[in-house]
Amino acid sequence: MDRSRRARGERGAWARSSAAALVCLLLLCALLLAAVTALAVQCRFCETGCAMFNNSFYYVSAELKSWEDSRQDCLERGADLVVINSQDEQKFINSFKQTMWLGLSDRGERGNWTWVDGTRLDTGFWGHGEPGSPSTPEREHCAYTYWYNNLNSWSDDKCAKRRHWICEKLLDF
C-alpha cells in the first residue's frame, strides 16, 4: 500500500512539474511572438532602407520636402523627425554625410528651440554663429544638419525650404 501511494505521489509531482514547464514554455512562445510582431512593424518602417543606432531605427529620405511635409512623412511611417540626445547620436547622424531636417524648431516661440517630442533643447550642436538672429526679417524656425565633417553642424532655415530629412523610430519592445 505504501508503494502505491508513493507511486501516485510521484506521478502527481511529475504532472505538476510538467504542467509548470508547459506554462513556462507557452509564456516564452507568447513573448517570442510579441517580439517577432514588434520587429515586423519595425521592418515595415525600413522597407526602403534604414540604419539602427542604440534603441532606434533611422530612415533618411531620398527626396526633398519642407520641414512640415518631412515631419508628416515620418509620422505616416510611425516615427518622427530625429531628436538628437547625445554627442554619439550626433556623430551617427553626421555619418550619413547628408544635409537633413532635424526634429527641432522654434516655431512656437522665438528662440525657444524645442524637439518634436516636446522637450526643450538643452545642449545643441549649432555651427558657428547659429542659430541665426531672431530679428532677421524672414525668420528661420527649423533646424537642419549641414556640415557633416564638423560635430557642430546645425543651422536654422525657413521651414518651407525643401531638404532631405531623417526620421527616428524608437524601438518599443
N, C-alpha and C. Protein backbone atom coordinates (compact mmCIF):
# COMPACT_ATOMS: atom_id res chain seq x y z
N MET A 1 0.81 -1.20 0.00
CA MET A 1 0.00 0.00 0.00
C MET A 1 0.85 1.27 0.00
N ASP A 2 1.89 1.25 0.80
CA ASP A 2 2.78 2.39 0.84
C ASP A 2 3.37 2.68 -0.54
N ARG A 3 3.71 1.55 -1.23
CA ARG A 3 4.30 1.70 -2.55
C ARG A 3 3.34 2.34 -3.54
N SER A 4 2.09 1.96 -3.53
CA SER A 4 1.13 2.52 -4.49
C SER A 4 0.86 4.00 -4.17
N ARG A 5 0.81 4.35 -2.87
CA ARG A 5 0.63 5.77 -2.52
C ARG A 5 1.84 6.58 -2.97
N ARG A 6 3.02 6.04 -2.77
CA ARG A 6 4.24 6.73 -3.16
C ARG A 6 4.28 6.90 -4.67
N ALA A 7 3.90 5.88 -5.42
CA ALA A 7 3.89 5.94 -6.88
C ALA A 7 2.90 7.01 -7.36
N ARG A 8 1.71 7.04 -6.74
CA ARG A 8 0.72 8.07 -7.10
C ARG A 8 1.26 9.46 -6.77
N GLY A 9 1.94 9.61 -5.66
CA GLY A 9 2.51 10.90 -5.26
C GLY A 9 3.59 11.35 -6.22
N GLU A 10 4.45 10.41 -6.66
CA GLU A 10 5.50 10.75 -7.62
C GLU A 10 4.90 11.15 -8.96
N ARG A 11 3.85 10.40 -9.38
CA ARG A 11 3.18 10.76 -10.64
C ARG A 11 2.53 12.13 -10.53
N GLY A 12 1.95 12.44 -9.40
CA GLY A 12 1.32 13.76 -9.19
C GLY A 12 2.34 14.88 -9.21
N ALA A 13 3.49 14.65 -8.58
CA ALA A 13 4.56 15.67 -8.58
C ALA A 13 5.09 15.86 -9.99
N TRP A 14 5.25 14.74 -10.72
CA TRP A 14 5.73 14.84 -12.09
C TRP A 14 4.73 15.60 -12.96
N ALA A 15 3.44 15.33 -12.78
CA ALA A 15 2.40 16.02 -13.56
C ALA A 15 2.40 17.52 -13.24
N ARG A 16 2.56 17.86 -11.95
CA ARG A 16 2.59 19.28 -11.58
C ARG A 16 3.80 19.99 -12.19
N SER A 17 4.96 19.36 -12.13
CA SER A 17 6.16 19.99 -12.70
C SER A 17 6.06 20.07 -14.22
N SER A 18 5.45 19.07 -14.84
CA SER A 18 5.25 19.10 -16.30
C SER A 18 4.30 20.22 -16.68
N ALA A 19 3.26 20.40 -15.90
CA ALA A 19 2.30 21.48 -16.18
C ALA A 19 2.98 22.84 -16.02
N ALA A 20 3.82 23.00 -15.00
CA ALA A 20 4.54 24.26 -14.80
C ALA A 20 5.50 24.52 -15.97
N ALA A 21 6.17 23.47 -16.41
CA ALA A 21 7.09 23.61 -17.55
C ALA A 21 6.32 23.99 -18.81
N LEU A 22 5.15 23.40 -19.00
CA LEU A 22 4.32 23.72 -20.17
C LEU A 22 3.87 25.18 -20.13
N VAL A 23 3.45 25.65 -18.97
CA VAL A 23 3.03 27.06 -18.82
C VAL A 23 4.20 27.98 -19.15
N CYS A 24 5.40 27.67 -18.63
CA CYS A 24 6.59 28.48 -18.92
C CYS A 24 6.89 28.48 -20.42
N LEU A 25 6.79 27.33 -21.05
CA LEU A 25 7.03 27.23 -22.48
C LEU A 25 6.03 28.07 -23.27
N LEU A 26 4.77 28.02 -22.89
CA LEU A 26 3.74 28.83 -23.56
C LEU A 26 3.99 30.32 -23.38
N LEU A 27 4.41 30.73 -22.18
CA LEU A 27 4.74 32.14 -21.95
C LEU A 27 5.92 32.59 -22.79
N LEU A 28 6.93 31.74 -22.88
CA LEU A 28 8.08 32.07 -23.73
C LEU A 28 7.67 32.20 -25.18
N CYS A 29 6.80 31.31 -25.65
CA CYS A 29 6.30 31.38 -27.02
C CYS A 29 5.53 32.69 -27.25
N ALA A 30 4.72 33.08 -26.29
CA ALA A 30 3.96 34.32 -26.40
C ALA A 30 4.90 35.52 -26.47
N LEU A 31 5.94 35.53 -25.64
CA LEU A 31 6.92 36.62 -25.67
C LEU A 31 7.67 36.66 -26.99
N LEU A 32 8.04 35.51 -27.49
CA LEU A 32 8.73 35.44 -28.77
C LEU A 32 7.83 35.95 -29.90
N LEU A 33 6.57 35.58 -29.87
CA LEU A 33 5.62 36.06 -30.88
C LEU A 33 5.47 37.57 -30.81
N ALA A 34 5.40 38.12 -29.60
CA ALA A 34 5.30 39.58 -29.44
C ALA A 34 6.55 40.27 -29.99
N ALA A 35 7.72 39.71 -29.73
CA ALA A 35 8.96 40.30 -30.22
C ALA A 35 9.04 40.25 -31.75
N VAL A 36 8.64 39.13 -32.33
CA VAL A 36 8.65 38.99 -33.78
C VAL A 36 7.65 39.96 -34.42
N THR A 37 6.49 40.11 -33.81
CA THR A 37 5.49 41.06 -34.31
C THR A 37 6.02 42.48 -34.25
N ALA A 38 6.64 42.85 -33.13
CA ALA A 38 7.21 44.19 -32.99
C ALA A 38 8.30 44.42 -34.02
N LEU A 39 9.12 43.41 -34.25
CA LEU A 39 10.19 43.53 -35.24
C LEU A 39 9.62 43.68 -36.64
N ALA A 40 8.54 42.99 -36.93
CA ALA A 40 7.90 43.11 -38.24
C ALA A 40 7.40 44.53 -38.47
N VAL A 41 6.85 45.14 -37.42
CA VAL A 41 6.39 46.53 -37.51
C VAL A 41 7.59 47.42 -37.80
N GLN A 42 8.71 47.20 -37.10
CA GLN A 42 9.91 48.00 -37.32
C GLN A 42 10.40 47.81 -38.76
N CYS A 43 10.34 46.59 -39.26
CA CYS A 43 10.83 46.32 -40.61
C CYS A 43 9.99 47.04 -41.66
N ARG A 44 8.69 47.19 -41.45
CA ARG A 44 7.86 47.95 -42.39
C ARG A 44 8.35 49.38 -42.48
N PHE A 45 8.80 49.93 -41.37
CA PHE A 45 9.37 51.28 -41.35
C PHE A 45 10.60 51.34 -42.24
N CYS A 46 11.33 50.23 -42.31
CA CYS A 46 12.61 50.17 -43.02
C CYS A 46 12.50 49.61 -44.42
N GLU A 47 11.32 49.53 -44.98
CA GLU A 47 11.14 48.92 -46.30
C GLU A 47 12.10 49.46 -47.34
N THR A 48 12.35 50.77 -47.31
CA THR A 48 13.23 51.37 -48.31
C THR A 48 14.63 51.60 -47.76
N GLY A 49 14.95 50.98 -46.64
CA GLY A 49 16.30 51.05 -46.09
C GLY A 49 16.40 51.98 -44.90
N CYS A 50 17.07 51.50 -43.87
CA CYS A 50 17.30 52.33 -42.71
C CYS A 50 18.50 51.79 -41.95
N ALA A 51 18.90 52.53 -40.93
CA ALA A 51 20.04 52.14 -40.09
C ALA A 51 19.57 52.10 -38.65
N MET A 52 20.33 51.37 -37.84
CA MET A 52 19.98 51.26 -36.43
C MET A 52 21.12 51.82 -35.58
N PHE A 53 20.76 52.56 -34.52
CA PHE A 53 21.72 53.08 -33.57
C PHE A 53 21.06 53.07 -32.21
N ASN A 54 21.76 52.50 -31.22
CA ASN A 54 21.20 52.36 -29.87
C ASN A 54 19.81 51.74 -29.95
N ASN A 55 18.78 52.43 -29.48
CA ASN A 55 17.43 51.86 -29.43
C ASN A 55 16.50 52.46 -30.48
N SER A 56 17.05 52.85 -31.62
CA SER A 56 16.23 53.48 -32.65
C SER A 56 16.61 53.00 -34.04
N PHE A 57 15.61 53.06 -34.94
CA PHE A 57 15.85 52.92 -36.37
C PHE A 57 15.80 54.32 -36.97
N TYR A 58 16.61 54.55 -37.99
CA TYR A 58 16.67 55.85 -38.67
C TYR A 58 16.45 55.64 -40.16
N TYR A 59 15.62 56.49 -40.73
CA TYR A 59 15.33 56.47 -42.16
C TYR A 59 15.74 57.82 -42.73
N VAL A 60 16.58 57.81 -43.76
CA VAL A 60 16.99 59.05 -44.44
C VAL A 60 16.27 59.11 -45.78
N SER A 61 15.62 60.22 -46.03
CA SER A 61 14.83 60.36 -47.26
C SER A 61 15.72 60.45 -48.49
N ALA A 62 15.14 60.10 -49.62
CA ALA A 62 15.82 60.23 -50.90
C ALA A 62 15.30 61.45 -51.66
N GLU A 63 14.21 62.02 -51.17
CA GLU A 63 13.62 63.18 -51.85
C GLU A 63 13.72 64.42 -50.97
N LEU A 64 13.25 65.53 -51.48
CA LEU A 64 13.30 66.80 -50.77
C LEU A 64 11.89 67.27 -50.42
N LYS A 65 11.71 67.74 -49.18
CA LYS A 65 10.42 68.28 -48.75
C LYS A 65 10.65 69.38 -47.74
N SER A 66 9.58 70.16 -47.51
CA SER A 66 9.63 71.17 -46.45
C SER A 66 9.72 70.47 -45.10
N TRP A 67 10.02 71.24 -44.05
CA TRP A 67 10.12 70.65 -42.71
C TRP A 67 8.79 70.02 -42.32
N GLU A 68 7.69 70.72 -42.54
CA GLU A 68 6.36 70.20 -42.17
C GLU A 68 6.02 68.94 -42.95
N ASP A 69 6.26 68.95 -44.27
CA ASP A 69 5.98 67.76 -45.09
C ASP A 69 6.90 66.60 -44.72
N SER A 70 8.14 66.92 -44.34
CA SER A 70 9.08 65.89 -43.89
C SER A 70 8.57 65.25 -42.61
N ARG A 71 8.12 66.08 -41.70
CA ARG A 71 7.60 65.54 -40.44
C ARG A 71 6.37 64.67 -40.70
N GLN A 72 5.51 65.11 -41.59
CA GLN A 72 4.31 64.33 -41.92
C GLN A 72 4.69 62.97 -42.49
N ASP A 73 5.72 62.93 -43.33
CA ASP A 73 6.18 61.66 -43.87
C ASP A 73 6.65 60.73 -42.75
N CYS A 74 7.41 61.28 -41.80
CA CYS A 74 7.87 60.46 -40.67
C CYS A 74 6.68 59.94 -39.86
N LEU A 75 5.71 60.80 -39.58
CA LEU A 75 4.54 60.39 -38.80
C LEU A 75 3.77 59.28 -39.51
N GLU A 76 3.66 59.37 -40.83
CA GLU A 76 2.98 58.33 -41.59
C GLU A 76 3.73 57.00 -41.53
N ARG A 77 5.02 57.04 -41.24
CA ARG A 77 5.83 55.84 -41.09
C ARG A 77 5.82 55.33 -39.65
N GLY A 78 5.06 56.00 -38.77
CA GLY A 78 5.03 55.60 -37.37
C GLY A 78 6.25 56.09 -36.60
N ALA A 79 6.87 57.15 -37.09
CA ALA A 79 8.09 57.70 -36.49
C ALA A 79 7.92 59.21 -36.36
N ASP A 80 9.03 59.91 -36.18
CA ASP A 80 9.03 61.37 -36.18
C ASP A 80 10.41 61.83 -36.63
N LEU A 81 10.53 63.11 -36.92
CA LEU A 81 11.85 63.64 -37.23
C LEU A 81 12.78 63.36 -36.06
N VAL A 82 14.05 63.22 -36.34
CA VAL A 82 15.03 62.79 -35.34
C VAL A 82 15.15 63.80 -34.18
N VAL A 83 15.30 63.25 -32.98
CA VAL A 83 15.61 64.00 -31.77
C VAL A 83 17.00 63.54 -31.35
N ILE A 84 17.96 64.45 -31.35
CA ILE A 84 19.35 64.09 -31.03
C ILE A 84 19.58 64.27 -29.54
N ASN A 85 19.90 63.17 -28.86
CA ASN A 85 20.02 63.17 -27.40
C ASN A 85 21.44 63.10 -26.88
N SER A 86 22.43 62.93 -27.76
CA SER A 86 23.80 62.76 -27.27
C SER A 86 24.80 63.11 -28.36
N GLN A 87 26.04 63.28 -27.95
CA GLN A 87 27.12 63.54 -28.90
C GLN A 87 27.31 62.32 -29.81
N ASP A 88 27.18 61.12 -29.25
CA ASP A 88 27.31 59.91 -30.07
C ASP A 88 26.24 59.84 -31.13
N GLU A 89 25.02 60.23 -30.79
CA GLU A 89 23.94 60.23 -31.78
C GLU A 89 24.20 61.29 -32.84
N GLN A 90 24.74 62.44 -32.44
CA GLN A 90 25.08 63.49 -33.41
C GLN A 90 26.14 62.98 -34.38
N LYS A 91 27.15 62.28 -33.88
CA LYS A 91 28.18 61.71 -34.75
C LYS A 91 27.56 60.69 -35.71
N PHE A 92 26.63 59.90 -35.19
CA PHE A 92 25.94 58.91 -36.03
C PHE A 92 25.17 59.62 -37.15
N ILE A 93 24.42 60.66 -36.82
CA ILE A 93 23.66 61.42 -37.83
C ILE A 93 24.61 62.01 -38.87
N ASN A 94 25.74 62.55 -38.41
CA ASN A 94 26.72 63.13 -39.35
C ASN A 94 27.31 62.07 -40.28
N SER A 95 27.32 60.81 -39.84
CA SER A 95 27.91 59.75 -40.67
C SER A 95 27.14 59.52 -41.97
N PHE A 96 25.92 60.02 -42.05
CA PHE A 96 25.15 59.90 -43.30
C PHE A 96 25.66 60.86 -44.37
N LYS A 97 26.44 61.86 -43.96
CA LYS A 97 27.01 62.85 -44.88
C LYS A 97 25.94 63.46 -45.78
N GLN A 98 24.89 63.94 -45.13
CA GLN A 98 23.73 64.46 -45.85
C GLN A 98 23.21 65.71 -45.12
N THR A 99 22.76 66.68 -45.86
CA THR A 99 22.07 67.82 -45.27
C THR A 99 20.62 67.41 -45.06
N MET A 100 20.13 67.47 -43.79
CA MET A 100 18.79 66.93 -43.48
C MET A 100 18.08 67.76 -42.41
N TRP A 101 16.76 67.81 -42.53
CA TRP A 101 15.95 68.41 -41.47
C TRP A 101 16.07 67.57 -40.21
N LEU A 102 16.10 68.24 -39.07
CA LEU A 102 16.06 67.61 -37.75
C LEU A 102 14.71 67.88 -37.13
N GLY A 103 14.38 67.21 -36.08
CA GLY A 103 13.09 67.42 -35.39
C GLY A 103 13.16 68.54 -34.37
N LEU A 104 13.73 69.66 -34.76
CA LEU A 104 13.97 70.79 -33.85
C LEU A 104 13.50 72.08 -34.50
N SER A 105 12.73 72.86 -33.75
CA SER A 105 12.28 74.16 -34.28
C SER A 105 12.00 75.12 -33.13
N ASP A 106 11.87 76.39 -33.50
CA ASP A 106 11.42 77.40 -32.53
C ASP A 106 10.17 78.08 -33.05
N ARG A 107 9.34 77.29 -33.73
CA ARG A 107 8.11 77.81 -34.34
C ARG A 107 7.10 78.25 -33.29
N GLY A 108 7.15 77.64 -32.11
CA GLY A 108 6.20 78.01 -31.05
C GLY A 108 6.52 79.35 -30.42
N GLU A 109 7.78 79.58 -30.14
CA GLU A 109 8.23 80.82 -29.50
C GLU A 109 9.65 81.11 -29.95
N ARG A 110 9.88 82.31 -30.45
CA ARG A 110 11.21 82.68 -30.95
C ARG A 110 12.29 82.41 -29.93
N GLY A 111 13.33 81.74 -30.37
CA GLY A 111 14.47 81.47 -29.51
C GLY A 111 14.28 80.31 -28.55
N ASN A 112 13.06 79.75 -28.48
CA ASN A 112 12.79 78.61 -27.62
C ASN A 112 12.82 77.34 -28.48
N TRP A 113 14.00 76.78 -28.66
CA TRP A 113 14.16 75.62 -29.54
C TRP A 113 13.65 74.37 -28.84
N THR A 114 12.70 73.71 -29.50
CA THR A 114 12.02 72.56 -28.92
C THR A 114 12.03 71.40 -29.92
N TRP A 115 12.26 70.19 -29.39
CA TRP A 115 12.23 68.99 -30.21
C TRP A 115 10.78 68.57 -30.47
N VAL A 116 10.57 67.76 -31.49
CA VAL A 116 9.22 67.31 -31.85
C VAL A 116 8.58 66.48 -30.74
N ASP A 117 9.36 65.92 -29.82
CA ASP A 117 8.79 65.17 -28.70
C ASP A 117 8.40 66.07 -27.53
N GLY A 118 8.56 67.40 -27.72
CA GLY A 118 8.15 68.37 -26.71
C GLY A 118 9.25 68.79 -25.75
N THR A 119 10.41 68.16 -25.80
CA THR A 119 11.49 68.54 -24.89
C THR A 119 12.22 69.77 -25.41
N ARG A 120 12.67 70.59 -24.48
CA ARG A 120 13.44 71.79 -24.85
C ARG A 120 14.87 71.40 -25.14
N LEU A 121 15.49 72.11 -26.04
CA LEU A 121 16.89 71.89 -26.37
C LEU A 121 17.75 72.36 -25.21
N ASP A 122 18.55 71.45 -24.65
CA ASP A 122 19.49 71.82 -23.58
C ASP A 122 20.87 72.08 -24.18
N THR A 123 21.40 71.08 -24.84
CA THR A 123 22.72 71.17 -25.46
C THR A 123 22.56 70.91 -26.93
N GLY A 124 23.06 71.80 -27.73
CA GLY A 124 22.92 71.62 -29.17
C GLY A 124 24.28 71.55 -29.84
N PHE A 125 24.23 71.32 -31.13
CA PHE A 125 25.44 71.21 -31.93
C PHE A 125 25.38 72.24 -33.06
N TRP A 126 25.11 73.48 -32.68
CA TRP A 126 24.97 74.57 -33.64
C TRP A 126 26.33 74.90 -34.25
N GLY A 127 26.31 75.22 -35.54
CA GLY A 127 27.50 75.72 -36.21
C GLY A 127 27.82 77.12 -35.72
N HIS A 128 29.00 77.62 -36.07
CA HIS A 128 29.43 78.95 -35.66
C HIS A 128 28.41 80.01 -36.11
N GLY A 129 27.98 80.85 -35.17
CA GLY A 129 27.03 81.92 -35.48
C GLY A 129 25.58 81.47 -35.59
N GLU A 130 25.32 80.21 -35.27
CA GLU A 130 23.96 79.67 -35.37
C GLU A 130 23.39 79.45 -33.97
N PRO A 131 22.10 79.44 -33.79
CA PRO A 131 21.09 79.74 -34.82
C PRO A 131 21.12 81.23 -35.17
N GLY A 132 20.55 81.52 -36.33
CA GLY A 132 20.53 82.90 -36.79
C GLY A 132 19.77 83.80 -35.82
N SER A 133 19.91 85.06 -36.00
CA SER A 133 19.30 86.05 -35.12
C SER A 133 17.78 86.01 -35.21
N PRO A 134 17.09 86.05 -34.05
CA PRO A 134 15.62 86.06 -34.07
C PRO A 134 15.04 87.30 -34.74
N SER A 135 15.87 88.32 -34.95
CA SER A 135 15.33 89.57 -35.52
C SER A 135 15.47 89.63 -37.04
N THR A 136 15.97 88.58 -37.68
CA THR A 136 16.08 88.61 -39.14
C THR A 136 14.68 88.71 -39.74
N PRO A 137 14.53 89.48 -40.84
CA PRO A 137 13.20 89.71 -41.41
C PRO A 137 12.47 88.41 -41.78
N GLU A 138 13.13 87.52 -42.47
CA GLU A 138 12.49 86.26 -42.84
C GLU A 138 12.97 85.21 -41.85
N ARG A 139 12.20 85.00 -40.84
CA ARG A 139 12.56 84.16 -39.70
C ARG A 139 12.85 82.72 -40.12
N GLU A 140 13.93 82.19 -39.56
CA GLU A 140 14.33 80.81 -39.78
C GLU A 140 13.95 80.02 -38.53
N HIS A 141 12.95 79.17 -38.65
CA HIS A 141 12.38 78.47 -37.48
C HIS A 141 12.74 77.00 -37.37
N CYS A 142 13.32 76.39 -38.40
CA CYS A 142 13.54 74.95 -38.39
C CYS A 142 15.01 74.62 -38.53
N ALA A 143 15.45 73.59 -37.78
CA ALA A 143 16.87 73.22 -37.74
C ALA A 143 17.18 72.08 -38.70
N TYR A 144 18.38 72.14 -39.23
CA TYR A 144 18.89 71.07 -40.09
C TYR A 144 20.38 70.89 -39.82
N THR A 145 20.88 69.75 -40.21
CA THR A 145 22.32 69.49 -40.10
C THR A 145 22.91 69.69 -41.49
N TYR A 146 24.05 70.37 -41.56
CA TYR A 146 24.58 70.72 -42.87
C TYR A 146 26.05 70.39 -43.07
N TRP A 147 26.87 70.50 -42.07
CA TRP A 147 28.31 70.35 -42.27
C TRP A 147 28.75 69.10 -41.54
N TYR A 148 28.61 67.98 -42.19
CA TYR A 148 28.77 66.68 -41.53
C TYR A 148 30.21 66.37 -41.15
N ASN A 149 31.18 67.15 -41.60
CA ASN A 149 32.57 66.92 -41.19
C ASN A 149 32.88 67.57 -39.84
N ASN A 150 31.93 68.30 -39.31
CA ASN A 150 32.13 69.02 -38.06
C ASN A 150 31.03 68.59 -37.08
N LEU A 151 31.39 68.32 -35.83
CA LEU A 151 30.39 67.92 -34.84
C LEU A 151 29.31 68.99 -34.69
N ASN A 152 29.71 70.24 -34.65
CA ASN A 152 28.75 71.35 -34.54
C ASN A 152 28.29 71.73 -35.94
N SER A 153 27.23 71.07 -36.37
CA SER A 153 26.83 71.17 -37.78
C SER A 153 25.37 71.56 -37.98
N TRP A 154 24.76 72.19 -36.99
CA TRP A 154 23.36 72.58 -37.15
C TRP A 154 23.26 74.02 -37.61
N SER A 155 22.21 74.27 -38.35
CA SER A 155 21.85 75.63 -38.72
C SER A 155 20.33 75.71 -38.72
N ASP A 156 19.81 76.92 -38.84
CA ASP A 156 18.36 77.08 -38.95
C ASP A 156 18.04 77.70 -40.30
N ASP A 157 16.84 77.43 -40.77
CA ASP A 157 16.43 77.91 -42.08
C ASP A 157 14.92 78.06 -42.11
N LYS A 158 14.44 78.64 -43.18
CA LYS A 158 12.99 78.75 -43.37
C LYS A 158 12.42 77.34 -43.49
N CYS A 159 11.33 77.09 -42.79
CA CYS A 159 10.74 75.75 -42.75
C CYS A 159 10.21 75.30 -44.11
N ALA A 160 9.93 76.24 -45.01
CA ALA A 160 9.39 75.90 -46.33
C ALA A 160 10.49 75.42 -47.29
N LYS A 161 11.74 75.64 -46.93
CA LYS A 161 12.85 75.18 -47.78
C LYS A 161 12.77 73.67 -47.93
N ARG A 162 13.07 73.18 -49.13
CA ARG A 162 13.00 71.74 -49.38
C ARG A 162 14.37 71.11 -49.13
N ARG A 163 14.38 70.10 -48.25
CA ARG A 163 15.60 69.39 -47.89
C ARG A 163 15.30 67.91 -47.72
N HIS A 164 16.36 67.11 -47.63
CA HIS A 164 16.21 65.74 -47.18
C HIS A 164 15.86 65.79 -45.70
N TRP A 165 15.43 64.67 -45.14
CA TRP A 165 15.12 64.63 -43.72
C TRP A 165 15.48 63.27 -43.16
N ILE A 166 15.48 63.18 -41.84
CA ILE A 166 15.78 61.91 -41.18
C ILE A 166 14.73 61.63 -40.12
N CYS A 167 14.10 60.46 -40.23
CA CYS A 167 13.10 60.01 -39.27
C CYS A 167 13.77 59.10 -38.24
N GLU A 168 13.24 59.13 -37.03
CA GLU A 168 13.71 58.23 -35.97
C GLU A 168 12.52 57.47 -35.41
N LYS A 169 12.66 56.16 -35.33
CA LYS A 169 11.63 55.32 -34.72
C LYS A 169 12.26 54.59 -33.56
N LEU A 170 11.77 54.89 -32.36
CA LEU A 170 12.28 54.24 -31.16
C LEU A 170 11.81 52.79 -31.13
N LEU A 171 12.69 51.89 -30.73
CA LEU A 171 12.29 50.50 -30.53
C LEU A 171 11.43 50.43 -29.28
N ASP A 172 10.31 49.78 -29.36
CA ASP A 172 9.40 49.72 -28.22
C ASP A 172 8.99 48.29 -27.91
N PHE A 173 9.96 47.50 -27.51
CA PHE A 173 9.68 46.11 -27.15
C PHE A 173 9.06 46.05 -25.79
